[in-house]
Amino acid sequence: NYADSVKGRFNISRDNAKNTVYLQ
């Protein structure tokens, strides 16, 4: 899910093995 205001600009990704989430 992305907020409408950030769609196309922000990218979320998740590494389950590392229990880490990223936001570019």
mmCIF file of all heavy atoms, coordinates in Angstrom:
data_MODEL
# 
_entry.id   MODEL 
# 
loop_
_atom_site.group_PDB 
_atom_site.id 
_atom_site.type_symbol 
_atom_site.label_atom_id 
_atom_site.label_alt_id 
_atom_site.label_comp_id 
_atom_site.label_asym_id 
_atom_site.label_entity_id 
_atom_site.label_seq_id 
_atom_site.pdbx_PDB_ins_code 
_atom_site.Cartn_x 
_atom_site.Cartn_y 
_atom_site.Cartn_z 
_atom_site.occupancy 
_atom_site.B_iso_or_equiv 
_atom_site.pdbx_formal_charge 
_atom_site.auth_seq_id 
_atom_site.auth_comp_id 
_atom_site.auth_asym_id 
_atom_site.auth_atom_id 
_atom_site.pdbx_PDB_model_num 
ATOM 1   N N   . ASN A 1 1  ? 0.840  -1.188  0.000  1.00 0.00 ? 1  ASN A N   1 
ATOM 2   C CA  . ASN A 1 1  ? 0.000  0.000   0.000  1.00 0.00 ? 1  ASN A CA  1 
ATOM 3   C C   . ASN A 1 1  ? 0.879  1.244   0.000  1.00 0.00 ? 1  ASN A C   1 
ATOM 4   O O   . ASN A 1 1  ? 1.820  1.334   0.785  1.00 0.00 ? 1  ASN A O   1 
ATOM 5   C CB  . ASN A 1 1  ? -0.909 0.034   1.227  1.00 0.00 ? 1  ASN A CB  1 
ATOM 6   C CG  . ASN A 1 1  ? -2.004 -0.997  1.177  1.00 0.00 ? 1  ASN A CG  1 
ATOM 7   O OD1 . ASN A 1 1  ? -2.520 -1.314  0.110  1.00 0.00 ? 1  ASN A OD1 1 
ATOM 8   N ND2 . ASN A 1 1  ? -2.384 -1.517  2.337  1.00 0.00 ? 1  ASN A ND2 1 
ATOM 9   N N   . TYR A 1 2  ? 0.547  2.188   -0.862 1.00 0.00 ? 2  TYR A N   1 
ATOM 10  C CA  . TYR A 1 2  ? 1.220  3.477   -0.898 1.00 0.00 ? 2  TYR A CA  1 
ATOM 11  C C   . TYR A 1 2  ? 0.197  4.584   -0.718 1.00 0.00 ? 2  TYR A C   1 
ATOM 12  O O   . TYR A 1 2  ? -0.919 4.504   -1.240 1.00 0.00 ? 2  TYR A O   1 
ATOM 13  C CB  . TYR A 1 2  ? 1.932  3.714   -2.227 1.00 0.00 ? 2  TYR A CB  1 
ATOM 14  C CG  . TYR A 1 2  ? 3.149  2.878   -2.484 1.00 0.00 ? 2  TYR A CG  1 
ATOM 15  C CD1 . TYR A 1 2  ? 3.105  1.793   -3.344 1.00 0.00 ? 2  TYR A CD1 1 
ATOM 16  C CD2 . TYR A 1 2  ? 4.368  3.191   -1.886 1.00 0.00 ? 2  TYR A CD2 1 
ATOM 17  C CE1 . TYR A 1 2  ? 4.231  1.032   -3.598 1.00 0.00 ? 2  TYR A CE1 1 
ATOM 18  C CE2 . TYR A 1 2  ? 5.500  2.434   -2.132 1.00 0.00 ? 2  TYR A CE2 1 
ATOM 19  C CZ  . TYR A 1 2  ? 5.426  1.359   -2.989 1.00 0.00 ? 2  TYR A CZ  1 
ATOM 20  O OH  . TYR A 1 2  ? 6.552  0.603   -3.242 1.00 0.00 ? 2  TYR A OH  1 
ATOM 21  N N   . ALA A 1 3  ? 0.595  5.616   -0.007 1.00 0.00 ? 3  ALA A N   1 
ATOM 22  C CA  . ALA A 1 3  ? -0.201 6.824   -0.002 1.00 0.00 ? 3  ALA A CA  1 
ATOM 23  C C   . ALA A 1 3  ? -0.225 7.412   -1.402 1.00 0.00 ? 3  ALA A C   1 
ATOM 24  O O   . ALA A 1 3  ? 0.765  7.337   -2.137 1.00 0.00 ? 3  ALA A O   1 
ATOM 25  C CB  . ALA A 1 3  ? 0.374  7.842   0.978  1.00 0.00 ? 3  ALA A CB  1 
ATOM 26  N N   . ASP A 1 4  ? -1.355 8.005   -1.773 1.00 0.00 ? 4  ASP A N   1 
ATOM 27  C CA  . ASP A 1 4  ? -1.463 8.589   -3.103 1.00 0.00 ? 4  ASP A CA  1 
ATOM 28  C C   . ASP A 1 4  ? -0.382 9.633   -3.356 1.00 0.00 ? 4  ASP A C   1 
ATOM 29  O O   . ASP A 1 4  ? 0.107  9.772   -4.482 1.00 0.00 ? 4  ASP A O   1 
ATOM 30  C CB  . ASP A 1 4  ? -2.838 9.228   -3.289 1.00 0.00 ? 4  ASP A CB  1 
ATOM 31  C CG  . ASP A 1 4  ? -3.945 8.203   -3.422 1.00 0.00 ? 4  ASP A CG  1 
ATOM 32  O OD1 . ASP A 1 4  ? -3.649 7.027   -3.727 1.00 0.00 ? 4  ASP A OD1 1 
ATOM 33  O OD2 . ASP A 1 4  ? -5.115 8.581   -3.227 1.00 0.00 ? 4  ASP A OD2 1 
ATOM 34  N N   . SER A 1 5  ? 0.016  10.342  -2.323 1.00 0.00 ? 5  SER A N   1 
ATOM 35  C CA  . SER A 1 5  ? 0.974  11.413  -2.475 1.00 0.00 ? 5  SER A CA  1 
ATOM 36  C C   . SER A 1 5  ? 2.388  10.937  -2.803 1.00 0.00 ? 5  SER A C   1 
ATOM 37  O O   . SER A 1 5  ? 3.215  11.732  -3.248 1.00 0.00 ? 5  SER A O   1 
ATOM 38  C CB  . SER A 1 5  ? 1.016  12.269  -1.203 1.00 0.00 ? 5  SER A CB  1 
ATOM 39  O OG  . SER A 1 5  ? 1.399  11.491  -0.082 1.00 0.00 ? 5  SER A OG  1 
ATOM 40  N N   . VAL A 1 6  ? 2.671  9.651   -2.591 1.00 0.00 ? 6  VAL A N   1 
ATOM 41  C CA  . VAL A 1 6  ? 4.021  9.151   -2.831 1.00 0.00 ? 6  VAL A CA  1 
ATOM 42  C C   . VAL A 1 6  ? 4.081  8.119   -3.947 1.00 0.00 ? 6  VAL A C   1 
ATOM 43  O O   . VAL A 1 6  ? 5.181  7.675   -4.308 1.00 0.00 ? 6  VAL A O   1 
ATOM 44  C CB  . VAL A 1 6  ? 4.657  8.568   -1.556 1.00 0.00 ? 6  VAL A CB  1 
ATOM 45  C CG1 . VAL A 1 6  ? 4.583  9.567   -0.413 1.00 0.00 ? 6  VAL A CG1 1 
ATOM 46  C CG2 . VAL A 1 6  ? 3.996  7.247   -1.162 1.00 0.00 ? 6  VAL A CG2 1 
ATOM 47  N N   . LYS A 1 7  ? 2.951  7.735   -4.493 1.00 0.00 ? 7  LYS A N   1 
ATOM 48  C CA  . LYS A 1 7  ? 2.938  6.746   -5.570 1.00 0.00 ? 7  LYS A CA  1 
ATOM 49  C C   . LYS A 1 7  ? 3.779  7.224   -6.750 1.00 0.00 ? 7  LYS A C   1 
ATOM 50  O O   . LYS A 1 7  ? 3.684  8.369   -7.172 1.00 0.00 ? 7  LYS A O   1 
ATOM 51  C CB  . LYS A 1 7  ? 1.507  6.468   -6.022 1.00 0.00 ? 7  LYS A CB  1 
ATOM 52  C CG  . LYS A 1 7  ? 0.698  5.631   -5.057 1.00 0.00 ? 7  LYS A CG  1 
ATOM 53  C CD  . LYS A 1 7  ? -0.701 5.372   -5.590 1.00 0.00 ? 7  LYS A CD  1 
ATOM 54  C CE  . LYS A 1 7  ? -1.500 4.511   -4.636 1.00 0.00 ? 7  LYS A CE  1 
ATOM 55  N NZ  . LYS A 1 7  ? -2.886 4.296   -5.106 1.00 0.00 ? 7  LYS A NZ  1 
ATOM 56  N N   . GLY A 1 8  ? 4.599  6.333   -7.248 1.00 0.00 ? 8  GLY A N   1 
ATOM 57  C CA  . GLY A 1 8  ? 5.469  6.666   -8.358 1.00 0.00 ? 8  GLY A CA  1 
ATOM 58  C C   . GLY A 1 8  ? 6.773  7.291   -7.951 1.00 0.00 ? 8  GLY A C   1 
ATOM 59  O O   . GLY A 1 8  ? 7.670  7.442   -8.789 1.00 0.00 ? 8  GLY A O   1 
ATOM 60  N N   . ARG A 1 9  ? 6.908  7.663   -6.675 1.00 0.00 ? 9  ARG A N   1 
ATOM 61  C CA  . ARG A 1 9  ? 8.130  8.293   -6.196 1.00 0.00 ? 9  ARG A CA  1 
ATOM 62  C C   . ARG A 1 9  ? 8.837  7.455   -5.131 1.00 0.00 ? 9  ARG A C   1 
ATOM 63  O O   . ARG A 1 9  ? 10.072 7.423   -5.092 1.00 0.00 ? 9  ARG A O   1 
ATOM 64  C CB  . ARG A 1 9  ? 7.836  9.674   -5.607 1.00 0.00 ? 9  ARG A CB  1 
ATOM 65  C CG  . ARG A 1 9  ? 7.239  10.654  -6.609 1.00 0.00 ? 9  ARG A CG  1 
ATOM 66  C CD  . ARG A 1 9  ? 7.174  12.063  -6.031 1.00 0.00 ? 9  ARG A CD  1 
ATOM 67  N NE  . ARG A 1 9  ? 6.298  12.138  -4.855 1.00 0.00 ? 9  ARG A NE  1 
ATOM 68  C CZ  . ARG A 1 9  ? 6.691  12.512  -3.647 1.00 0.00 ? 9  ARG A CZ  1 
ATOM 69  N NH1 . ARG A 1 9  ? 7.963  12.860  -3.431 1.00 0.00 ? 9  ARG A NH1 1 
ATOM 70  N NH2 . ARG A 1 9  ? 5.826  12.568  -2.642 1.00 0.00 ? 9  ARG A NH2 1 
ATOM 71  N N   . PHE A 1 10 ? 8.067  6.818   -4.277 1.00 0.00 ? 10 PHE A N   1 
ATOM 72  C CA  . PHE A 1 10 ? 8.629  6.021   -3.194 1.00 0.00 ? 10 PHE A CA  1 
ATOM 73  C C   . PHE A 1 10 ? 8.471  4.542   -3.509 1.00 0.00 ? 10 PHE A C   1 
ATOM 74  O O   . PHE A 1 10 ? 7.480  4.122   -4.106 1.00 0.00 ? 10 PHE A O   1 
ATOM 75  C CB  . PHE A 1 10 ? 7.926  6.309   -1.868 1.00 0.00 ? 10 PHE A CB  1 
ATOM 76  C CG  . PHE A 1 10 ? 8.172  7.670   -1.285 1.00 0.00 ? 10 PHE A CG  1 
ATOM 77  C CD1 . PHE A 1 10 ? 8.794  8.668   -2.013 1.00 0.00 ? 10 PHE A CD1 1 
ATOM 78  C CD2 . PHE A 1 10 ? 7.773  7.943   0.009  1.00 0.00 ? 10 PHE A CD2 1 
ATOM 79  C CE1 . PHE A 1 10 ? 9.014  9.928   -1.465 1.00 0.00 ? 10 PHE A CE1 1 
ATOM 80  C CE2 . PHE A 1 10 ? 7.986  9.187   0.571  1.00 0.00 ? 10 PHE A CE2 1 
ATOM 81  C CZ  . PHE A 1 10 ? 8.605  10.184  -0.159 1.00 0.00 ? 10 PHE A CZ  1 
ATOM 82  N N   . ASN A 1 11 ? 9.431  3.761   -3.067 1.00 0.00 ? 11 ASN A N   1 
ATOM 83  C CA  . ASN A 1 11 ? 9.382  2.320   -3.249 1.00 0.00 ? 11 ASN A CA  1 
ATOM 84  C C   . ASN A 1 11 ? 9.685  1.624   -1.929 1.00 0.00 ? 11 ASN A C   1 
ATOM 85  O O   . ASN A 1 11 ? 10.710 1.904   -1.303 1.00 0.00 ? 11 ASN A O   1 
ATOM 86  C CB  . ASN A 1 11 ? 10.386 1.859   -4.302 1.00 0.00 ? 11 ASN A CB  1 
ATOM 87  C CG  . ASN A 1 11 ? 10.088 2.409   -5.674 1.00 0.00 ? 11 ASN A CG  1 
ATOM 88  O OD1 . ASN A 1 11 ? 9.031  2.142   -6.240 1.00 0.00 ? 11 ASN A OD1 1 
ATOM 89  N ND2 . ASN A 1 11 ? 11.016 3.178   -6.226 1.00 0.00 ? 11 ASN A ND2 1 
ATOM 90  N N   . ILE A 1 12 ? 8.791  0.741   -1.514 1.00 0.00 ? 12 ILE A N   1 
ATOM 91  C CA  . ILE A 1 12 ? 9.009  -0.032  -0.308 1.00 0.00 ? 12 ILE A CA  1 
ATOM 92  C C   . ILE A 1 12 ? 9.431  -1.448  -0.686 1.00 0.00 ? 12 ILE A C   1 
ATOM 93  O O   . ILE A 1 12 ? 8.931  -2.024  -1.655 1.00 0.00 ? 12 ILE A O   1 
ATOM 94  C CB  . ILE A 1 12 ? 7.750  -0.061  0.590  1.00 0.00 ? 12 ILE A CB  1 
ATOM 95  C CG1 . ILE A 1 12 ? 8.058  -0.696  1.942  1.00 0.00 ? 12 ILE A CG1 1 
ATOM 96  C CG2 . ILE A 1 12 ? 6.586  -0.753  -0.098 1.00 0.00 ? 12 ILE A CG2 1 
ATOM 97  C CD1 . ILE A 1 12 ? 6.931  -0.552  2.962  1.00 0.00 ? 12 ILE A CD1 1 
ATOM 98  N N   . SER A 1 13 ? 10.354 -1.990  0.064  1.00 0.00 ? 13 SER A N   1 
ATOM 99  C CA  . SER A 1 13 ? 10.765 -3.370  -0.124 1.00 0.00 ? 13 SER A CA  1 
ATOM 100 C C   . SER A 1 13 ? 11.017 -3.995  1.237  1.00 0.00 ? 13 SER A C   1 
ATOM 101 O O   . SER A 1 13 ? 11.223 -3.293  2.228  1.00 0.00 ? 13 SER A O   1 
ATOM 102 C CB  . SER A 1 13 ? 12.003 -3.476  -1.015 1.00 0.00 ? 13 SER A CB  1 
ATOM 103 O OG  . SER A 1 13 ? 13.100 -2.785  -0.446 1.00 0.00 ? 13 SER A OG  1 
ATOM 104 N N   . ARG A 1 14 ? 10.995 -5.307  1.272  1.00 0.00 ? 14 ARG A N   1 
ATOM 105 C CA  . ARG A 1 14 ? 11.097 -6.011  2.545  1.00 0.00 ? 14 ARG A CA  1 
ATOM 106 C C   . ARG A 1 14 ? 11.956 -7.250  2.387  1.00 0.00 ? 14 ARG A C   1 
ATOM 107 O O   . ARG A 1 14 ? 11.757 -8.033  1.457  1.00 0.00 ? 14 ARG A O   1 
ATOM 108 C CB  . ARG A 1 14 ? 9.690  -6.372  3.036  1.00 0.00 ? 14 ARG A CB  1 
ATOM 109 C CG  . ARG A 1 14 ? 9.620  -7.075  4.359  1.00 0.00 ? 14 ARG A CG  1 
ATOM 110 C CD  . ARG A 1 14 ? 8.169  -7.225  4.798  1.00 0.00 ? 14 ARG A CD  1 
ATOM 111 N NE  . ARG A 1 14 ? 8.052  -8.089  5.953  1.00 0.00 ? 14 ARG A NE  1 
ATOM 112 C CZ  . ARG A 1 14 ? 6.925  -8.408  6.554  1.00 0.00 ? 14 ARG A CZ  1 
ATOM 113 N NH1 . ARG A 1 14 ? 5.778  -7.910  6.095  1.00 0.00 ? 14 ARG A NH1 1 
ATOM 114 N NH2 . ARG A 1 14 ? 6.913  -9.213  7.605  1.00 0.00 ? 14 ARG A NH2 1 
ATOM 115 N N   . ASP A 1 15 ? 12.878 -7.413  3.306  1.00 0.00 ? 15 ASP A N   1 
ATOM 116 C CA  . ASP A 1 15 ? 13.728 -8.586  3.353  1.00 0.00 ? 15 ASP A CA  1 
ATOM 117 C C   . ASP A 1 15 ? 13.307 -9.380  4.580  1.00 0.00 ? 15 ASP A C   1 
ATOM 118 O O   . ASP A 1 15 ? 13.692 -9.055  5.705  1.00 0.00 ? 15 ASP A O   1 
ATOM 119 C CB  . ASP A 1 15 ? 15.200 -8.187  3.427  1.00 0.00 ? 15 ASP A CB  1 
ATOM 120 C CG  . ASP A 1 15 ? 16.131 -9.374  3.322  1.00 0.00 ? 15 ASP A CG  1 
ATOM 121 O OD1 . ASP A 1 15 ? 15.737 -10.498 3.663  1.00 0.00 ? 15 ASP A OD1 1 
ATOM 122 O OD2 . ASP A 1 15 ? 17.291 -9.174  2.885  1.00 0.00 ? 15 ASP A OD2 1 
ATOM 123 N N   . ASN A 1 16 ? 12.514 -10.412 4.371  1.00 0.00 ? 16 ASN A N   1 
ATOM 124 C CA  . ASN A 1 16 ? 11.984 -11.178 5.494  1.00 0.00 ? 16 ASN A CA  1 
ATOM 125 C C   . ASN A 1 16 ? 13.077 -11.916 6.259  1.00 0.00 ? 16 ASN A C   1 
ATOM 126 O O   . ASN A 1 16 ? 12.990 -12.073 7.475  1.00 0.00 ? 16 ASN A O   1 
ATOM 127 C CB  . ASN A 1 16 ? 10.932 -12.167 5.004  1.00 0.00 ? 16 ASN A CB  1 
ATOM 128 C CG  . ASN A 1 16 ? 9.686  -11.488 4.483  1.00 0.00 ? 16 ASN A CG  1 
ATOM 129 O OD1 . ASN A 1 16 ? 9.296  -10.432 4.967  1.00 0.00 ? 16 ASN A OD1 1 
ATOM 130 N ND2 . ASN A 1 16 ? 9.052  -12.096 3.490  1.00 0.00 ? 16 ASN A ND2 1 
ATOM 131 N N   . ALA A 1 17 ? 14.091 -12.377 5.554  1.00 0.00 ? 17 ALA A N   1 
ATOM 132 C CA  . ALA A 1 17 ? 15.178 -13.093 6.212  1.00 0.00 ? 17 ALA A CA  1 
ATOM 133 C C   . ALA A 1 17 ? 15.926 -12.201 7.191  1.00 0.00 ? 17 ALA A C   1 
ATOM 134 O O   . ALA A 1 17 ? 16.412 -12.668 8.222  1.00 0.00 ? 17 ALA A O   1 
ATOM 135 C CB  . ALA A 1 17 ? 16.144 -13.666 5.179  1.00 0.00 ? 17 ALA A CB  1 
ATOM 136 N N   . LYS A 1 18 ? 16.019 -10.921 6.867  1.00 0.00 ? 18 LYS A N   1 
ATOM 137 C CA  . LYS A 1 18 ? 16.707 -9.966  7.730  1.00 0.00 ? 18 LYS A CA  1 
ATOM 138 C C   . LYS A 1 18 ? 15.754 -9.176  8.610  1.00 0.00 ? 18 LYS A C   1 
ATOM 139 O O   . LYS A 1 18 ? 16.201 -8.330  9.391  1.00 0.00 ? 18 LYS A O   1 
ATOM 140 C CB  . LYS A 1 18 ? 17.530 -8.996  6.888  1.00 0.00 ? 18 LYS A CB  1 
ATOM 141 C CG  . LYS A 1 18 ? 18.649 -9.652  6.097  1.00 0.00 ? 18 LYS A CG  1 
ATOM 142 C CD  . LYS A 1 18 ? 19.425 -8.614  5.296  1.00 0.00 ? 18 LYS A CD  1 
ATOM 143 C CE  . LYS A 1 18 ? 20.560 -9.262  4.518  1.00 0.00 ? 18 LYS A CE  1 
ATOM 144 N NZ  . LYS A 1 18 ? 21.318 -8.260  3.720  1.00 0.00 ? 18 LYS A NZ  1 
ATOM 145 N N   . ASN A 1 19 ? 14.449 -9.431  8.472  1.00 0.00 ? 19 ASN A N   1 
ATOM 146 C CA  . ASN A 1 19 ? 13.432 -8.673  9.204  1.00 0.00 ? 19 ASN A CA  1 
ATOM 147 C C   . ASN A 1 19 ? 13.642 -7.173  9.041  1.00 0.00 ? 19 ASN A C   1 
ATOM 148 O O   . ASN A 1 19 ? 13.599 -6.412  10.010 1.00 0.00 ? 19 ASN A O   1 
ATOM 149 C CB  . ASN A 1 19 ? 13.426 -9.058  10.683 1.00 0.00 ? 19 ASN A CB  1 
ATOM 150 C CG  . ASN A 1 19 ? 12.911 -10.462 10.916 1.00 0.00 ? 19 ASN A CG  1 
ATOM 151 O OD1 . ASN A 1 19 ? 11.971 -10.904 10.251 1.00 0.00 ? 19 ASN A OD1 1 
ATOM 152 N ND2 . ASN A 1 19 ? 13.513 -11.166 11.853 1.00 0.00 ? 19 ASN A ND2 1 
ATOM 153 N N   . THR A 1 20 ? 13.848 -6.776  7.813  1.00 0.00 ? 20 THR A N   1 
ATOM 154 C CA  . THR A 1 20 ? 14.157 -5.392  7.504  1.00 0.00 ? 20 THR A CA  1 
ATOM 155 C C   . THR A 1 20 ? 13.232 -4.871  6.414  1.00 0.00 ? 20 THR A C   1 
ATOM 156 O O   . THR A 1 20 ? 12.924 -5.592  5.465  1.00 0.00 ? 20 THR A O   1 
ATOM 157 C CB  . THR A 1 20 ? 15.619 -5.250  7.051  1.00 0.00 ? 20 THR A CB  1 
ATOM 158 O OG1 . THR A 1 20 ? 16.484 -5.695  8.101  1.00 0.00 ? 20 THR A OG1 1 
ATOM 159 C CG2 . THR A 1 20 ? 15.952 -3.809  6.717  1.00 0.00 ? 20 THR A CG2 1 
ATOM 160 N N   . VAL A 1 21 ? 12.805 -3.633  6.569  1.00 0.00 ? 21 VAL A N   1 
ATOM 161 C CA  . VAL A 1 21 ? 12.006 -2.973  5.552  1.00 0.00 ? 21 VAL A CA  1 
ATOM 162 C C   . VAL A 1 21 ? 12.738 -1.721  5.102  1.00 0.00 ? 21 VAL A C   1 
ATOM 163 O O   . VAL A 1 21 ? 13.382 -1.043  5.906  1.00 0.00 ? 21 VAL A O   1 
ATOM 164 C CB  . VAL A 1 21 ? 10.587 -2.648  6.069  1.00 0.00 ? 21 VAL A CB  1 
ATOM 165 C CG1 . VAL A 1 21 ? 10.623 -1.635  7.205  1.00 0.00 ? 21 VAL A CG1 1 
ATOM 166 C CG2 . VAL A 1 21 ? 9.697  -2.159  4.933  1.00 0.00 ? 21 VAL A CG2 1 
ATOM 167 N N   . TYR A 1 22 ? 12.642 -1.436  3.814  1.00 0.00 ? 22 TYR A N   1 
ATOM 168 C CA  . TYR A 1 22 ? 13.331 -0.301  3.225  1.00 0.00 ? 22 TYR A CA  1 
ATOM 169 C C   . TYR A 1 22 ? 12.325 0.632   2.563  1.00 0.00 ? 22 TYR A C   1 
ATOM 170 O O   . TYR A 1 22 ? 11.276 0.209   2.084  1.00 0.00 ? 22 TYR A O   1 
ATOM 171 C CB  . TYR A 1 22 ? 14.340 -0.755  2.169  1.00 0.00 ? 22 TYR A CB  1 
ATOM 172 C CG  . TYR A 1 22 ? 15.321 -1.791  2.657  1.00 0.00 ? 22 TYR A CG  1 
ATOM 173 C CD1 . TYR A 1 22 ? 15.059 -3.153  2.507  1.00 0.00 ? 22 TYR A CD1 1 
ATOM 174 C CD2 . TYR A 1 22 ? 16.516 -1.417  3.271  1.00 0.00 ? 22 TYR A CD2 1 
ATOM 175 C CE1 . TYR A 1 22 ? 15.952 -4.107  2.954  1.00 0.00 ? 22 TYR A CE1 1 
ATOM 176 C CE2 . TYR A 1 22 ? 17.414 -2.362  3.718  1.00 0.00 ? 22 TYR A CE2 1 
ATOM 177 C CZ  . TYR A 1 22 ? 17.132 -3.707  3.559  1.00 0.00 ? 22 TYR A CZ  1 
ATOM 178 O OH  . TYR A 1 22 ? 18.026 -4.647  4.008  1.00 0.00 ? 22 TYR A OH  1 
ATOM 179 N N   . LEU A 1 23 ? 12.670 1.889   2.523  1.00 0.00 ? 23 LEU A N   1 
ATOM 180 C CA  . LEU A 1 23 ? 11.881 2.870   1.793  1.00 0.00 ? 23 LEU A CA  1 
ATOM 181 C C   . LEU A 1 23 ? 12.831 3.719   0.968  1.00 0.00 ? 23 LEU A C   1 
ATOM 182 O O   . LEU A 1 23 ? 13.615 4.494   1.524  1.00 0.00 ? 23 LEU A O   1 
ATOM 183 C CB  . LEU A 1 23 ? 11.066 3.751   2.740  1.00 0.00 ? 23 LEU A CB  1 
ATOM 184 C CG  . LEU A 1 23 ? 10.120 4.731   2.056  1.00 0.00 ? 23 LEU A CG  1 
ATOM 185 C CD1 . LEU A 1 23 ? 8.964  3.986   1.384  1.00 0.00 ? 23 LEU A CD1 1 
ATOM 186 C CD2 . LEU A 1 23 ? 9.581  5.749   3.059  1.00 0.00 ? 23 LEU A CD2 1 
ATOM 187 N N   . GLN A 1 24 ? 12.762 3.564   -0.340 1.00 0.00 ? 24 GLN A N   1 
ATOM 188 C CA  . GLN A 1 24 ? 13.542 4.391   -1.244 1.00 0.00 ? 24 GLN A CA  1 
ATOM 189 C C   . GLN A 1 24 ? 12.673 5.555   -1.682 1.00 0.00 ? 24 GLN A C   1 
ATOM 190 O O   . GLN A 1 24 ? 11.625 5.352   -2.290 1.00 0.00 ? 24 GLN A O   1 
ATOM 191 C CB  . GLN A 1 24 ? 14.012 3.579   -2.452 1.00 0.00 ? 24 GLN A CB  1 
ATOM 192 C CG  . GLN A 1 24 ? 14.853 4.372   -3.439 1.00 0.00 ? 24 GLN A CG  1 
ATOM 193 C CD  . GLN A 1 24 ? 16.143 4.869   -2.821 1.00 0.00 ? 24 GLN A CD  1 
ATOM 194 O OE1 . GLN A 1 24 ? 16.828 4.129   -2.122 1.00 0.00 ? 24 GLN A OE1 1 
ATOM 195 N NE2 . GLN A 1 24 ? 16.471 6.132   -3.073 1.00 0.00 ? 24 GLN A NE2 1 
# 
